[in-house]
Amino acid sequence: MKKYEAIFILDIRKVEDEGEAFSKEFAALIEGFGGKVEESIPMGRIQFSYEINKRKAGIYWNFIFEADSEANDKILEKYRLDERILRSMIIVYDRPSKDARTKLIEV
């Protein structure tokens, strides 16, 4: 399994609880594929620099999870037509761990 990072921008008008229900739904989906969500980070409401689908702001969520590579395609396909999501992106998580960062600082 690989480690991935997913960022979702949710439509303010379609989400009532600042995306908490979406976060739980996403975690259940990942676990259904046999993966594991390591972090679920609510980034809050952020103003756009340009409008997206006639919206001026959105609710950002960042997820760090482990899953098979096939799960990415299934996740994107599931949320492709979801009205709550304005934008989504999944990338391979390749940041160094906290232990590696402290070793670099010590050297």
C-alpha atoms as a PDB file:
ATOM      1  CA  MET A   1       0.000   0.000   0.000  1.00  0.00           C
ATOM      2  CA  LYS A   2       1.123   3.522  -0.781  1.00  0.00           C
ATOM      3  CA  LYS A   3       0.642   6.694   1.181  1.00  0.00           C
ATOM      4  CA  TYR A   4      -1.500   9.403  -0.457  1.00  0.00           C
ATOM      5  CA  GLU A   5      -2.700  12.918   0.236  1.00  0.00           C
ATOM      6  CA  ALA A   6      -6.147  14.052  -0.905  1.00  0.00           C
ATOM      7  CA  ILE A   7      -7.486  17.602  -0.879  1.00  0.00           C
ATOM      8  CA  PHE A   8     -11.172  18.322  -1.325  1.00  0.00           C
ATOM      9  CA  ILE A   9     -12.864  21.699  -1.709  1.00  0.00           C
ATOM     10  CA  LEU A  10     -16.458  21.448  -0.553  1.00  0.00           C
ATOM     11  CA  ASP A  11     -19.332  23.708  -1.591  1.00  0.00           C
ATOM     12  CA  ILE A  12     -20.458  25.847   1.361  1.00  0.00           C
ATOM     13  CA  ARG A  13     -24.090  25.755   0.259  1.00  0.00           C
ATOM     14  CA  LYS A  14     -24.220  21.945   0.031  1.00  0.00           C
ATOM     15  CA  VAL A  15     -22.436  21.123   3.313  1.00  0.00           C
ATOM     16  CA  GLU A  16     -24.074  21.891   6.648  1.00  0.00           C
ATOM     17  CA  ASP A  17     -21.563  20.796   9.276  1.00  0.00           C
ATOM     18  CA  GLU A  18     -18.320  22.233   7.868  1.00  0.00           C
ATOM     19  CA  GLY A  19     -17.631  18.878   6.207  1.00  0.00           C
ATOM     20  CA  GLU A  20     -17.564  16.631   9.288  1.00  0.00           C
ATOM     21  CA  ALA A  21     -20.039  14.174   7.721  1.00  0.00           C
ATOM     22  CA  PHE A  22     -18.004  14.160   4.500  1.00  0.00           C
ATOM     23  CA  SER A  23     -14.850  13.418   6.509  1.00  0.00           C
ATOM     24  CA  LYS A  24     -16.467  10.416   8.189  1.00  0.00           C
ATOM     25  CA  GLU A  25     -17.839   9.210   4.847  1.00  0.00           C
ATOM     26  CA  PHE A  26     -14.404   9.473   3.230  1.00  0.00           C
ATOM     27  CA  ALA A  27     -12.752   7.588   6.115  1.00  0.00           C
ATOM     28  CA  ALA A  28     -15.347   4.815   5.828  1.00  0.00           C
ATOM     29  CA  LEU A  29     -14.736   4.620   2.065  1.00  0.00           C
ATOM     30  CA  ILE A  30     -10.972   4.270   2.526  1.00  0.00           C
ATOM     31  CA  GLU A  31     -11.435   1.597   5.190  1.00  0.00           C
ATOM     32  CA  GLY A  32     -13.852  -0.184   2.836  1.00  0.00           C
ATOM     33  CA  PHE A  33     -11.024  -0.433   0.300  1.00  0.00           C
ATOM     34  CA  GLY A  34      -8.759  -1.926   2.972  1.00  0.00           C
ATOM     35  CA  GLY A  35      -6.834   1.280   3.596  1.00  0.00           C
ATOM     36  CA  LYS A  36      -6.306   3.474   6.617  1.00  0.00           C
ATOM     37  CA  VAL A  37      -6.782   7.220   7.143  1.00  0.00           C
ATOM     38  CA  GLU A  38      -3.845   8.606   9.109  1.00  0.00           C
ATOM     39  CA  GLU A  39      -4.902  12.245   9.297  1.00  0.00           C
ATOM     40  CA  SER A  40      -8.058  14.172   8.530  1.00  0.00           C
ATOM     41  CA  ILE A  41      -7.320  17.897   8.633  1.00  0.00           C
ATOM     42  CA  PRO A  42     -10.091  20.497   8.366  1.00  0.00           C
ATOM     43  CA  MET A  43      -8.543  23.601   6.835  1.00  0.00           C
ATOM     44  CA  GLY A  44     -11.677  25.725   7.177  1.00  0.00           C
ATOM     45  CA  ARG A  45     -13.343  28.192   4.831  1.00  0.00           C
ATOM     46  CA  ILE A  46     -10.997  29.850   2.385  1.00  0.00           C
ATOM     47  CA  GLN A  47     -11.799  32.633  -0.065  1.00  0.00           C
ATOM     48  CA  PHE A  48     -11.014  31.811  -3.714  1.00  0.00           C
ATOM     49  CA  SER A  49      -8.905  34.096  -5.865  1.00  0.00           C
ATOM     50  CA  TYR A  50     -11.421  33.462  -8.669  1.00  0.00           C
ATOM     51  CA  GLU A  51     -14.914  31.999  -8.672  1.00  0.00           C
ATOM     52  CA  ILE A  52     -15.456  28.265  -9.040  1.00  0.00           C
ATOM     53  CA  ASN A  53     -18.948  27.340 -10.231  1.00  0.00           C
ATOM     54  CA  LYS A  54     -20.206  30.782  -9.138  1.00  0.00           C
ATOM     55  CA  ARG A  55     -18.861  30.257  -5.604  1.00  0.00           C
ATOM     56  CA  LYS A  56     -16.494  32.700  -3.931  1.00  0.00           C
ATOM     57  CA  ALA A  57     -15.306  30.441  -1.076  1.00  0.00           C
ATOM     58  CA  GLY A  58     -15.121  26.795  -0.126  1.00  0.00           C
ATOM     59  CA  ILE A  59     -14.401  24.453   2.757  1.00  0.00           C
ATOM     60  CA  TYR A  60     -11.035  22.727   2.415  1.00  0.00           C
ATOM     61  CA  TRP A  61     -10.267  19.244   3.782  1.00  0.00           C
ATOM     62  CA  ASN A  62      -6.905  17.503   3.640  1.00  0.00           C
ATOM     63  CA  PHE A  63      -6.621  13.732   4.125  1.00  0.00           C
ATOM     64  CA  ILE A  64      -3.492  11.617   4.464  1.00  0.00           C
ATOM     65  CA  PHE A  65      -4.182   7.931   3.966  1.00  0.00           C
ATOM     66  CA  GLU A  66      -2.773   4.588   2.910  1.00  0.00           C
ATOM     67  CA  ALA A  67      -4.482   2.574   0.181  1.00  0.00           C
ATOM     68  CA  ASP A  68      -3.889   0.489  -2.911  1.00  0.00           C
ATOM     69  CA  SER A  69      -3.293   2.327  -6.172  1.00  0.00           C
ATOM     70  CA  GLU A  70      -6.602   1.020  -7.538  1.00  0.00           C
ATOM     71  CA  ALA A  71      -8.447   2.823  -4.743  1.00  0.00           C
ATOM     72  CA  ASN A  72      -7.489   6.249  -6.158  1.00  0.00           C
ATOM     73  CA  ASP A  73      -9.407   5.697  -9.369  1.00  0.00           C
ATOM     74  CA  LYS A  74     -12.428   4.427  -7.466  1.00  0.00           C
ATOM     75  CA  ILE A  75     -12.338   7.407  -5.083  1.00  0.00           C
ATOM     76  CA  LEU A  76     -12.133   9.946  -7.887  1.00  0.00           C
ATOM     77  CA  GLU A  77     -14.892   8.204  -9.820  1.00  0.00           C
ATOM     78  CA  LYS A  78     -17.168   8.107  -6.768  1.00  0.00           C
ATOM     79  CA  TYR A  79     -16.766  11.824  -6.075  1.00  0.00           C
ATOM     80  CA  ARG A  80     -16.572  13.033  -9.679  1.00  0.00           C
ATOM     81  CA  LEU A  81     -20.282  13.887  -9.909  1.00  0.00           C
ATOM     82  CA  ASP A  82     -20.862  14.638  -6.228  1.00  0.00           C
ATOM     83  CA  GLU A  83     -22.489  18.079  -5.958  1.00  0.00           C
ATOM     84  CA  ARG A  84     -20.835  18.793  -2.616  1.00  0.00           C
ATOM     85  CA  ILE A  85     -17.331  18.803  -4.126  1.00  0.00           C
ATOM     86  CA  LEU A  86     -16.061  21.743  -6.163  1.00  0.00           C
ATOM     87  CA  ARG A  87     -12.518  20.407  -6.680  1.00  0.00           C
ATOM     88  CA  SER A  88     -10.522  17.350  -5.634  1.00  0.00           C
ATOM     89  CA  MET A  89      -6.965  16.134  -5.999  1.00  0.00           C
ATOM     90  CA  ILE A  90      -5.107  13.005  -4.887  1.00  0.00           C
ATOM     91  CA  ILE A  91      -1.318  12.868  -4.976  1.00  0.00           C
ATOM     92  CA  VAL A  92       1.358  10.512  -3.692  1.00  0.00           C
ATOM     93  CA  TYR A  93       2.469  11.617  -0.226  1.00  0.00           C
ATOM     94  CA  ASP A  94       6.235  11.960  -0.367  1.00  0.00           C
ATOM     95  CA  ARG A  95       7.045  14.289   2.506  1.00  0.00           C
ATOM     96  CA  PRO A  96       9.795  13.131   4.864  1.00  0.00           C
ATOM     97  CA  SER A  97       8.713  11.815   8.241  1.00  0.00           C
ATOM     98  CA  LYS A  98       9.188  13.890  11.388  1.00  0.00           C
ATOM     99  CA  ASP A  99      12.062  11.643  12.461  1.00  0.00           C
ATOM    100  CA  ALA A 100      13.894  12.222   9.185  1.00  0.00           C
ATOM    101  CA  ARG A 101      13.412  15.985   9.510  1.00  0.00           C
ATOM    102  CA  THR A 102      14.898  16.055  12.998  1.00  0.00           C
ATOM    103  CA  LYS A 103      17.905  14.017  11.784  1.00  0.00           C
ATOM    104  CA  LEU A 104      18.478  16.537   9.002  1.00  0.00           C
ATOM    105  CA  ILE A 105      18.405  19.395  11.485  1.00  0.00           C
ATOM    106  CA  GLU A 106      20.854  17.673  13.840  1.00  0.00           C
ATOM    107  CA  VAL A 107      23.444  17.062  11.108  1.00  0.00           C
END
